[in-house]
Amino acid sequence: MPYQEAPRPPMTDPLAERCARAVHVLAPVGTLLAGGRASLFVLERIGFPRLARLLRRPPLVWAVEWGYRLVARHRGVFARVLFRRG
């Protein structure tokens, strides 16, 4: 669900600010995942469990987190380059 539509509570103002900067997932066991780790959770759930498990291991998970931060910080540039029209 988009964070803008999440009920309050459990959504708080500080959590909404963090959600505006990175994807967050509330796992079924109650763990809150953010950024690269949240992306790996989704990757596992959409049918790539082996790849997700591999990428969760250090030092690969550190590279996933670094890559996520890089793309999130420069999402406008990536959007223009990857989704050009014409």
PDB file of N, CA and C in Angstrom:
ATOM      1  N   MET A   1       0.839  -1.164   0.000  1.00  0.00           N
ATOM      2  CA  MET A   1       0.000   0.000   0.000  1.00  0.00           C
ATOM      3  C   MET A   1       0.889   1.233   0.000  1.00  0.00           C
ATOM      4  N   PRO A   2       0.539   2.251  -0.748  1.00  0.00           N
ATOM      5  CA  PRO A   2       1.324   3.488  -0.723  1.00  0.00           C
ATOM      6  C   PRO A   2       1.320   4.087   0.681  1.00  0.00           C
ATOM      7  N   TYR A   3       2.466   4.599   1.095  1.00  0.00           N
ATOM      8  CA  TYR A   3       2.569   5.124   2.458  1.00  0.00           C
ATOM      9  C   TYR A   3       1.614   6.286   2.697  1.00  0.00           C
ATOM     10  N   GLN A   4       1.266   7.008   1.629  1.00  0.00           N
ATOM     11  CA  GLN A   4       0.345   8.133   1.772  1.00  0.00           C
ATOM     12  C   GLN A   4      -1.057   7.666   2.190  1.00  0.00           C
ATOM     13  N   GLU A   5      -1.371   6.394   1.912  1.00  0.00           N
ATOM     14  CA  GLU A   5      -2.688   5.846   2.235  1.00  0.00           C
ATOM     15  C   GLU A   5      -2.692   4.998   3.499  1.00  0.00           C
ATOM     16  N   ALA A   6      -1.551   4.849   4.148  1.00  0.00           N
ATOM     17  CA  ALA A   6      -1.460   4.018   5.347  1.00  0.00           C
ATOM     18  C   ALA A   6      -2.221   4.666   6.498  1.00  0.00           C
ATOM     19  N   PRO A   7      -2.920   3.858   7.292  1.00  0.00           N
ATOM     20  CA  PRO A   7      -3.671   4.404   8.427  1.00  0.00           C
ATOM     21  C   PRO A   7      -2.733   4.963   9.499  1.00  0.00           C
ATOM     22  N   ARG A   8      -3.245   5.945  10.217  1.00  0.00           N
ATOM     23  CA  ARG A   8      -2.479   6.564  11.314  1.00  0.00           C
ATOM     24  C   ARG A   8      -3.227   6.334  12.614  1.00  0.00           C
ATOM     25  N   PRO A   9      -2.686   5.655  13.597  1.00  0.00           N
ATOM     26  CA  PRO A   9      -1.496   4.825  13.542  1.00  0.00           C
ATOM     27  C   PRO A   9      -1.750   3.561  12.745  1.00  0.00           C
ATOM     28  N   PRO A  10      -0.773   2.823  12.354  1.00  0.00           N
ATOM     29  CA  PRO A  10       0.620   2.801  12.799  1.00  0.00           C
ATOM     30  C   PRO A  10       1.531   3.820  12.111  1.00  0.00           C
ATOM     31  N   MET A  11       1.080   4.439  11.005  1.00  0.00           N
ATOM     32  CA  MET A  11       1.931   5.428  10.332  1.00  0.00           C
ATOM     33  C   MET A  11       2.079   6.650  11.229  1.00  0.00           C
ATOM     34  N   THR A  12       3.315   7.110  11.337  1.00  0.00           N
ATOM     35  CA  THR A  12       3.615   8.310  12.113  1.00  0.00           C
ATOM     36  C   THR A  12       4.269   9.326  11.180  1.00  0.00           C
ATOM     37  N   ASP A  13       4.363  10.566  11.607  1.00  0.00           N
ATOM     38  CA  ASP A  13       5.013  11.579  10.772  1.00  0.00           C
ATOM     39  C   ASP A  13       6.479  11.243  10.485  1.00  0.00           C
ATOM     40  N   PRO A  14       7.265  10.831  11.507  1.00  0.00           N
ATOM     41  CA  PRO A  14       8.666  10.476  11.204  1.00  0.00           C
ATOM     42  C   PRO A  14       8.773   9.303  10.223  1.00  0.00           C
ATOM     43  N   LEU A  15       7.899   8.296  10.373  1.00  0.00           N
ATOM     44  CA  LEU A  15       7.929   7.159   9.449  1.00  0.00           C
ATOM     45  C   LEU A  15       7.519   7.596   8.046  1.00  0.00           C
ATOM     46  N   ALA A  16       6.545   8.484   7.923  1.00  0.00           N
ATOM     47  CA  ALA A  16       6.136   8.984   6.605  1.00  0.00           C
ATOM     48  C   ALA A  16       7.285   9.718   5.928  1.00  0.00           C
ATOM     49  N   GLU A  17       8.076  10.473   6.694  1.00  0.00           N
ATOM     50  CA  GLU A  17       9.243  11.158   6.120  1.00  0.00           C
ATOM     51  C   GLU A  17      10.258  10.156   5.601  1.00  0.00           C
ATOM     52  N   ARG A  18      10.489   9.066   6.360  1.00  0.00           N
ATOM     53  CA  ARG A  18      11.428   8.030   5.899  1.00  0.00           C
ATOM     54  C   ARG A  18      10.884   7.302   4.675  1.00  0.00           C
ATOM     55  N   CYS A  19       9.564   7.061   4.643  1.00  0.00           N
ATOM     56  CA  CYS A  19       8.951   6.373   3.506  1.00  0.00           C
ATOM     57  C   CYS A  19       9.028   7.209   2.233  1.00  0.00           C
ATOM     58  N   ALA A  20       9.079   8.517   2.370  1.00  0.00           N
ATOM     59  CA  ALA A  20       9.200   9.384   1.188  1.00  0.00           C
ATOM     60  C   ALA A  20      10.575   9.246   0.546  1.00  0.00           C
ATOM     61  N   ARG A  21      11.564   8.790   1.321  1.00  0.00           N
ATOM     62  CA  ARG A  21      12.935   8.661   0.805  1.00  0.00           C
ATOM     63  C   ARG A  21      13.305   7.248   0.383  1.00  0.00           C
ATOM     64  N   ALA A  22      12.616   6.233   0.919  1.00  0.00           N
ATOM     65  CA  ALA A  22      12.979   4.848   0.608  1.00  0.00           C
ATOM     66  C   ALA A  22      11.755   3.953   0.754  1.00  0.00           C
ATOM     67  N   VAL A  23      11.750   2.870  -0.009  1.00  0.00           N
ATOM     68  CA  VAL A  23      10.681   1.890   0.096  1.00  0.00           C
ATOM     69  C   VAL A  23      10.792   1.202   1.462  1.00  0.00           C
ATOM     70  N   HIS A  24       9.642   0.956   2.080  1.00  0.00           N
ATOM     71  CA  HIS A  24       9.577   0.249   3.353  1.00  0.00           C
ATOM     72  C   HIS A  24       8.602  -0.911   3.208  1.00  0.00           C
ATOM     73  N   VAL A  25       8.912  -2.011   3.898  1.00  0.00           N
ATOM     74  CA  VAL A  25       8.035  -3.175   3.909  1.00  0.00           C
ATOM     75  C   VAL A  25       7.873  -3.616   5.356  1.00  0.00           C
ATOM     76  N   LEU A  26       6.634  -3.810   5.771  1.00  0.00           N
ATOM     77  CA  LEU A  26       6.355  -4.386   7.073  1.00  0.00           C
ATOM     78  C   LEU A  26       6.158  -5.878   6.840  1.00  0.00           C
ATOM     79  N   ALA A  27       7.154  -6.669   7.226  1.00  0.00           N
ATOM     80  CA  ALA A  27       7.127  -8.114   6.998  1.00  0.00           C
ATOM     81  C   ALA A  27       6.057  -8.758   7.880  1.00  0.00           C
ATOM     82  N   PRO A  28       5.581  -9.938   7.489  1.00  0.00           N
ATOM     83  CA  PRO A  28       4.524 -10.606   8.256  1.00  0.00           C
ATOM     84  C   PRO A  28       4.873 -10.824   9.732  1.00  0.00           C
ATOM     85  N   VAL A  29       6.143 -10.992  10.056  1.00  0.00           N
ATOM     86  CA  VAL A  29       6.535 -11.204  11.455  1.00  0.00           C
ATOM     87  C   VAL A  29       6.641  -9.884  12.220  1.00  0.00           C
ATOM     88  N   GLY A  30       6.372  -8.755  11.540  1.00  0.00           N
ATOM     89  CA  GLY A  30       6.396  -7.461  12.200  1.00  0.00           C
ATOM     90  C   GLY A  30       7.677  -6.673  12.040  1.00  0.00           C
ATOM     91  N   THR A  31       8.641  -7.214  11.315  1.00  0.00           N
ATOM     92  CA  THR A  31       9.910  -6.528  11.089  1.00  0.00           C
ATOM     93  C   THR A  31       9.724  -5.456  10.019  1.00  0.00           C
ATOM     94  N   LEU A  32      10.242  -4.262  10.280  1.00  0.00           N
ATOM     95  CA  LEU A  32      10.184  -3.171   9.309  1.00  0.00           C
ATOM     96  C   LEU A  32      11.489  -3.160   8.520  1.00  0.00           C
ATOM     97  N   LEU A  33      11.381  -3.377   7.210  1.00  0.00           N
ATOM     98  CA  LEU A  33      12.549  -3.376   6.325  1.00  0.00           C
ATOM     99  C   LEU A  33      12.519  -2.120   5.479  1.00  0.00           C
ATOM    100  N   ALA A  34      13.696  -1.593   5.158  1.00  0.00           N
ATOM    101  CA  ALA A  34      13.754  -0.364   4.355  1.00  0.00           C
ATOM    102  C   ALA A  34      14.859  -0.474   3.318  1.00  0.00           C
ATOM    103  N   GLY A  35      14.716   0.294   2.237  1.00  0.00           N
ATOM    104  CA  GLY A  35      15.763   0.412   1.229  1.00  0.00           C
ATOM    105  C   GLY A  35      16.057  -0.889   0.521  1.00  0.00           C
ATOM    106  N   GLY A  36      17.341  -1.224   0.447  1.00  0.00           N
ATOM    107  CA  GLY A  36      17.778  -2.419  -0.259  1.00  0.00           C
ATOM    108  C   GLY A  36      17.232  -3.703   0.333  1.00  0.00           C
ATOM    109  N   ARG A  37      17.177  -3.772   1.656  1.00  0.00           N
ATOM    110  CA  ARG A  37      16.652  -4.985   2.295  1.00  0.00           C
ATOM    111  C   ARG A  37      15.161  -5.155   2.009  1.00  0.00           C
ATOM    112  N   ALA A  38      14.418  -4.070   1.949  1.00  0.00           N
ATOM    113  CA  ALA A  38      13.006  -4.160   1.572  1.00  0.00           C
ATOM    114  C   ALA A  38      12.875  -4.626   0.125  1.00  0.00           C
ATOM    115  N   SER A  39      13.760  -4.141  -0.732  1.00  0.00           N
ATOM    116  CA  SER A  39      13.747  -4.566  -2.139  1.00  0.00           C
ATOM    117  C   SER A  39      14.046  -6.049  -2.262  1.00  0.00           C
ATOM    118  N   LEU A  40      14.961  -6.561  -1.444  1.00  0.00           N
ATOM    119  CA  LEU A  40      15.267  -7.992  -1.471  1.00  0.00           C
ATOM    120  C   LEU A  40      14.080  -8.817  -0.983  1.00  0.00           C
ATOM    121  N   PHE A  41      13.351  -8.319  -0.001  1.00  0.00           N
ATOM    122  CA  PHE A  41      12.142  -8.998   0.474  1.00  0.00           C
ATOM    123  C   PHE A  41      11.140  -9.114  -0.671  1.00  0.00           C
ATOM    124  N   VAL A  42      10.929  -8.031  -1.395  1.00  0.00           N
ATOM    125  CA  VAL A  42       9.995  -8.029  -2.522  1.00  0.00           C
ATOM    126  C   VAL A  42      10.498  -8.959  -3.625  1.00  0.00           C
ATOM    127  N   LEU A  43      11.796  -8.918  -3.910  1.00  0.00           N
ATOM    128  CA  LEU A  43      12.387  -9.791  -4.926  1.00  0.00           C
ATOM    129  C   LEU A  43      12.098 -11.255  -4.601  1.00  0.00           C
ATOM    130  N   GLU A  44      12.235 -11.606  -3.338  1.00  0.00           N
ATOM    131  CA  GLU A  44      11.953 -12.981  -2.919  1.00  0.00           C
ATOM    132  C   GLU A  44      10.481 -13.319  -3.129  1.00  0.00           C
ATOM    133  N   ARG A  45       9.597 -12.405  -2.771  1.00  0.00           N
ATOM    134  CA  ARG A  45       8.162 -12.656  -2.854  1.00  0.00           C
ATOM    135  C   ARG A  45       7.634 -12.706  -4.279  1.00  0.00           C
ATOM    136  N   ILE A  46       8.311 -12.064  -5.227  1.00  0.00           N
ATOM    137  CA  ILE A  46       7.801 -12.088  -6.605  1.00  0.00           C
ATOM    138  C   ILE A  46       8.382 -13.228  -7.429  1.00  0.00           C
ATOM    139  N   GLY A  47       9.137 -14.123  -6.767  1.00  0.00           N
ATOM    140  CA  GLY A  47       9.559 -15.322  -7.468  1.00  0.00           C
ATOM    141  C   GLY A  47      11.049 -15.518  -7.658  1.00  0.00           C
ATOM    142  N   PHE A  48      11.868 -14.749  -6.947  1.00  0.00           N
ATOM    143  CA  PHE A  48      13.317 -14.902  -7.062  1.00  0.00           C
ATOM    144  C   PHE A  48      13.951 -15.164  -5.697  1.00  0.00           C
ATOM    145  N   PRO A  49      13.500 -16.211  -4.999  1.00  0.00           N
ATOM    146  CA  PRO A  49      14.000 -16.440  -3.633  1.00  0.00           C
ATOM    147  C   PRO A  49      15.486 -16.768  -3.566  1.00  0.00           C
ATOM    148  N   ARG A  50      16.003 -17.524  -4.526  1.00  0.00           N
ATOM    149  CA  ARG A  50      17.433 -17.866  -4.484  1.00  0.00           C
ATOM    150  C   ARG A  50      18.310 -16.638  -4.651  1.00  0.00           C
ATOM    151  N   LEU A  51      17.937 -15.779  -5.606  1.00  0.00           N
ATOM    152  CA  LEU A  51      18.697 -14.556  -5.831  1.00  0.00           C
ATOM    153  C   LEU A  51      18.628 -13.652  -4.599  1.00  0.00           C
ATOM    154  N   ALA A  52      17.451 -13.530  -4.011  1.00  0.00           N
ATOM    155  CA  ALA A  52      17.291 -12.687  -2.822  1.00  0.00           C
ATOM    156  C   ALA A  52      18.131 -13.218  -1.669  1.00  0.00           C
ATOM    157  N   ARG A  53      18.121 -14.533  -1.461  1.00  0.00           N
ATOM    158  CA  ARG A  53      18.928 -15.122  -0.369  1.00  0.00           C
ATOM    159  C   ARG A  53      20.412 -14.891  -0.608  1.00  0.00           C
ATOM    160  N   LEU A  54      20.838 -15.029  -1.849  1.00  0.00           N
ATOM    161  CA  LEU A  54      22.249 -14.795  -2.175  1.00  0.00           C
ATOM    162  C   LEU A  54      22.634 -13.345  -1.889  1.00  0.00           C
ATOM    163  N   LEU A  55      21.802 -12.417  -2.339  1.00  0.00           N
ATOM    164  CA  LEU A  55      22.120 -10.993  -2.183  1.00  0.00           C
ATOM    165  C   LEU A  55      22.003 -10.507  -0.743  1.00  0.00           C
ATOM    166  N   ARG A  56      21.374 -11.268   0.136  1.00  0.00           N
ATOM    167  CA  ARG A  56      21.283 -10.893   1.548  1.00  0.00           C
ATOM    168  C   ARG A  56      22.579 -11.143   2.315  1.00  0.00           C
ATOM    169  N   ARG A  57      23.496 -11.862   1.734  1.00  0.00           N
ATOM    170  CA  ARG A  57      24.745 -12.212   2.431  1.00  0.00           C
ATOM    171  C   ARG A  57      25.770 -11.093   2.316  1.00  0.00           C
ATOM    172  N   PRO A  58      26.452 -10.824   3.441  1.00  0.00           N
ATOM    173  CA  PRO A  58      27.555  -9.858   3.352  1.00  0.00           C
ATOM    174  C   PRO A  58      28.651 -10.437   2.471  1.00  0.00           C
ATOM    175  N   PRO A  59      29.319  -9.717   1.670  1.00  0.00           N
ATOM    176  CA  PRO A  59      29.261  -8.273   1.457  1.00  0.00           C
ATOM    177  C   PRO A  59      28.247  -7.858   0.382  1.00  0.00           C
ATOM    178  N   LEU A  60      27.528  -8.835  -0.195  1.00  0.00           N
ATOM    179  CA  LEU A  60      26.586  -8.501  -1.274  1.00  0.00           C
ATOM    180  C   LEU A  60      25.471  -7.591  -0.794  1.00  0.00           C
ATOM    181  N   VAL A  61      24.957  -7.806   0.420  1.00  0.00           N
ATOM    182  CA  VAL A  61      23.876  -6.961   0.923  1.00  0.00           C
ATOM    183  C   VAL A  61      24.349  -5.517   1.067  1.00  0.00           C
ATOM    184  N   TRP A  62      25.623  -5.315   1.372  1.00  0.00           N
ATOM    185  CA  TRP A  62      26.156  -3.956   1.473  1.00  0.00           C
ATOM    186  C   TRP A  62      26.142  -3.281   0.099  1.00  0.00           C
ATOM    187  N   ALA A  63      26.457  -4.050  -0.931  1.00  0.00           N
ATOM    188  CA  ALA A  63      26.415  -3.507  -2.294  1.00  0.00           C
ATOM    189  C   ALA A  63      24.972  -3.192  -2.707  1.00  0.00           C
ATOM    190  N   VAL A  64      24.036  -4.038  -2.310  1.00  0.00           N
ATOM    191  CA  VAL A  64      22.614  -3.787  -2.604  1.00  0.00           C
ATOM    192  C   VAL A  64      22.175  -2.491  -1.928  1.00  0.00           C
ATOM    193  N   GLU A  65      22.518  -2.319  -0.654  1.00  0.00           N
ATOM    194  CA  GLU A  65      22.153  -1.101   0.078  1.00  0.00           C
ATOM    195  C   GLU A  65      22.790   0.133  -0.572  1.00  0.00           C
ATOM    196  N   TRP A  66      24.065   0.038  -0.927  1.00  0.00           N
ATOM    197  CA  TRP A  66      24.765   1.159  -1.572  1.00  0.00           C
ATOM    198  C   TRP A  66      24.095   1.504  -2.900  1.00  0.00           C
ATOM    199  N   GLY A  67      23.801   0.477  -3.706  1.00  0.00           N
ATOM    200  CA  GLY A  67      23.144   0.703  -4.995  1.00  0.00           C
ATOM    201  C   GLY A  67      21.760   1.300  -4.834  1.00  0.00           C
ATOM    202  N   TYR A  68      21.020   0.840  -3.832  1.00  0.00           N
ATOM    203  CA  TYR A  68      19.692   1.399  -3.592  1.00  0.00           C
ATOM    204  C   TYR A  68      19.798   2.880  -3.238  1.00  0.00           C
ATOM    205  N   ARG A  69      20.716   3.212  -2.329  1.00  0.00           N
ATOM    206  CA  ARG A  69      20.881   4.623  -1.942  1.00  0.00           C
ATOM    207  C   ARG A  69      21.277   5.485  -3.128  1.00  0.00           C
ATOM    208  N   LEU A  70      22.166   4.972  -3.977  1.00  0.00           N
ATOM    209  CA  LEU A  70      22.605   5.711  -5.160  1.00  0.00           C
ATOM    210  C   LEU A  70      21.420   6.012  -6.079  1.00  0.00           C
ATOM    211  N   VAL A  71      20.637   5.002  -6.387  1.00  0.00           N
ATOM    212  CA  VAL A  71      19.495   5.186  -7.286  1.00  0.00           C
ATOM    213  C   VAL A  71      18.442   6.081  -6.630  1.00  0.00           C
ATOM    214  N   ALA A  72      18.172   5.880  -5.340  1.00  0.00           N
ATOM    215  CA  ALA A  72      17.158   6.696  -4.653  1.00  0.00           C
ATOM    216  C   ALA A  72      17.564   8.165  -4.621  1.00  0.00           C
ATOM    217  N   ARG A  73      18.844   8.429  -4.400  1.00  0.00           N
ATOM    218  CA  ARG A  73      19.327   9.811  -4.336  1.00  0.00           C
ATOM    219  C   ARG A  73      19.258  10.507  -5.688  1.00  0.00           C
ATOM    220  N   HIS A  74      19.377   9.728  -6.752  1.00  0.00           N
ATOM    221  CA  HIS A  74      19.423  10.299  -8.096  1.00  0.00           C
ATOM    222  C   HIS A  74      18.312   9.739  -8.973  1.00  0.00           C
ATOM    223  N   ARG A  75      17.142   9.506  -8.380  1.00  0.00           N
ATOM    224  CA  ARG A  75      16.058   8.856  -9.130  1.00  0.00           C
ATOM    225  C   ARG A  75      15.610   9.662 -10.338  1.00  0.00           C
ATOM    226  N   GLY A  76      15.695  10.976 -10.284  1.00  0.00           N
ATOM    227  CA  GLY A  76      15.318  11.808 -11.433  1.00  0.00           C
ATOM    228  C   GLY A  76      16.206  11.549 -12.628  1.00  0.00           C
ATOM    229  N   VAL A  77      17.504  11.445 -12.386  1.00  0.00           N
ATOM    230  CA  VAL A  77      18.465  11.167 -13.461  1.00  0.00           C
ATOM    231  C   VAL A  77      18.202   9.778 -14.041  1.00  0.00           C
ATOM    232  N   PHE A  78      18.035   8.788 -13.160  1.00  0.00           N
ATOM    233  CA  PHE A  78      17.788   7.428 -13.634  1.00  0.00           C
ATOM    234  C   PHE A  78      16.484   7.350 -14.415  1.00  0.00           C
ATOM    235  N   ALA A  79      15.457   8.061 -13.992  1.00  0.00           N
ATOM    236  CA  ALA A  79      14.179   8.047 -14.700  1.00  0.00           C
ATOM    237  C   ALA A  79      14.334   8.637 -16.101  1.00  0.00           C
ATOM    238  N   ARG A  80      15.080   9.738 -16.209  1.00  0.00           N
ATOM    239  CA  ARG A  80      15.264  10.352 -17.535  1.00  0.00           C
ATOM    240  C   ARG A  80      16.060   9.444 -18.464  1.00  0.00           C
ATOM    241  N   VAL A  81      17.070   8.773 -17.938  1.00  0.00           N
ATOM    242  CA  VAL A  81      17.925   7.920 -18.774  1.00  0.00           C
ATOM    243  C   VAL A  81      17.214   6.619 -19.146  1.00  0.00           C
ATOM    244  N   LEU A  82      16.544   6.003 -18.194  1.00  0.00           N
ATOM    245  CA  LEU A  82      15.945   4.689 -18.431  1.00  0.00           C
ATOM    246  C   LEU A  82      14.587   4.741 -19.111  1.00  0.00           C
ATOM    247  N   PHE A  83      13.870   5.842 -18.957  1.00  0.00           N
ATOM    248  CA  PHE A  83      12.505   5.896 -19.479  1.00  0.00           C
ATOM    249  C   PHE A  83      12.320   7.037 -20.476  1.00  0.00           C
ATOM    250  N   ARG A  84      13.290   7.174 -21.353  1.00  0.00           N
ATOM    251  CA  ARG A  84      13.180   8.184 -22.421  1.00  0.00           C
ATOM    252  C   ARG A  84      12.101   7.783 -23.408  1.00  0.00           C
ATOM    253  N   ARG A  85      11.478   8.774 -23.979  1.00  0.00           N
ATOM    254  CA  ARG A  85      10.495   8.514 -25.051  1.00  0.00           C
ATOM    255  C   ARG A  85      11.119   8.875 -26.372  1.00  0.00           C
ATOM    256  N   GLY A  86      10.848   8.043 -27.359  1.00  0.00           N
ATOM    257  CA  GLY A  86      11.315   8.348 -28.717  1.00  0.00           C
ATOM    258  C   GLY A  86      12.636   7.832 -28.919  1.00  0.00           C
TER     259      GLY A  86
END
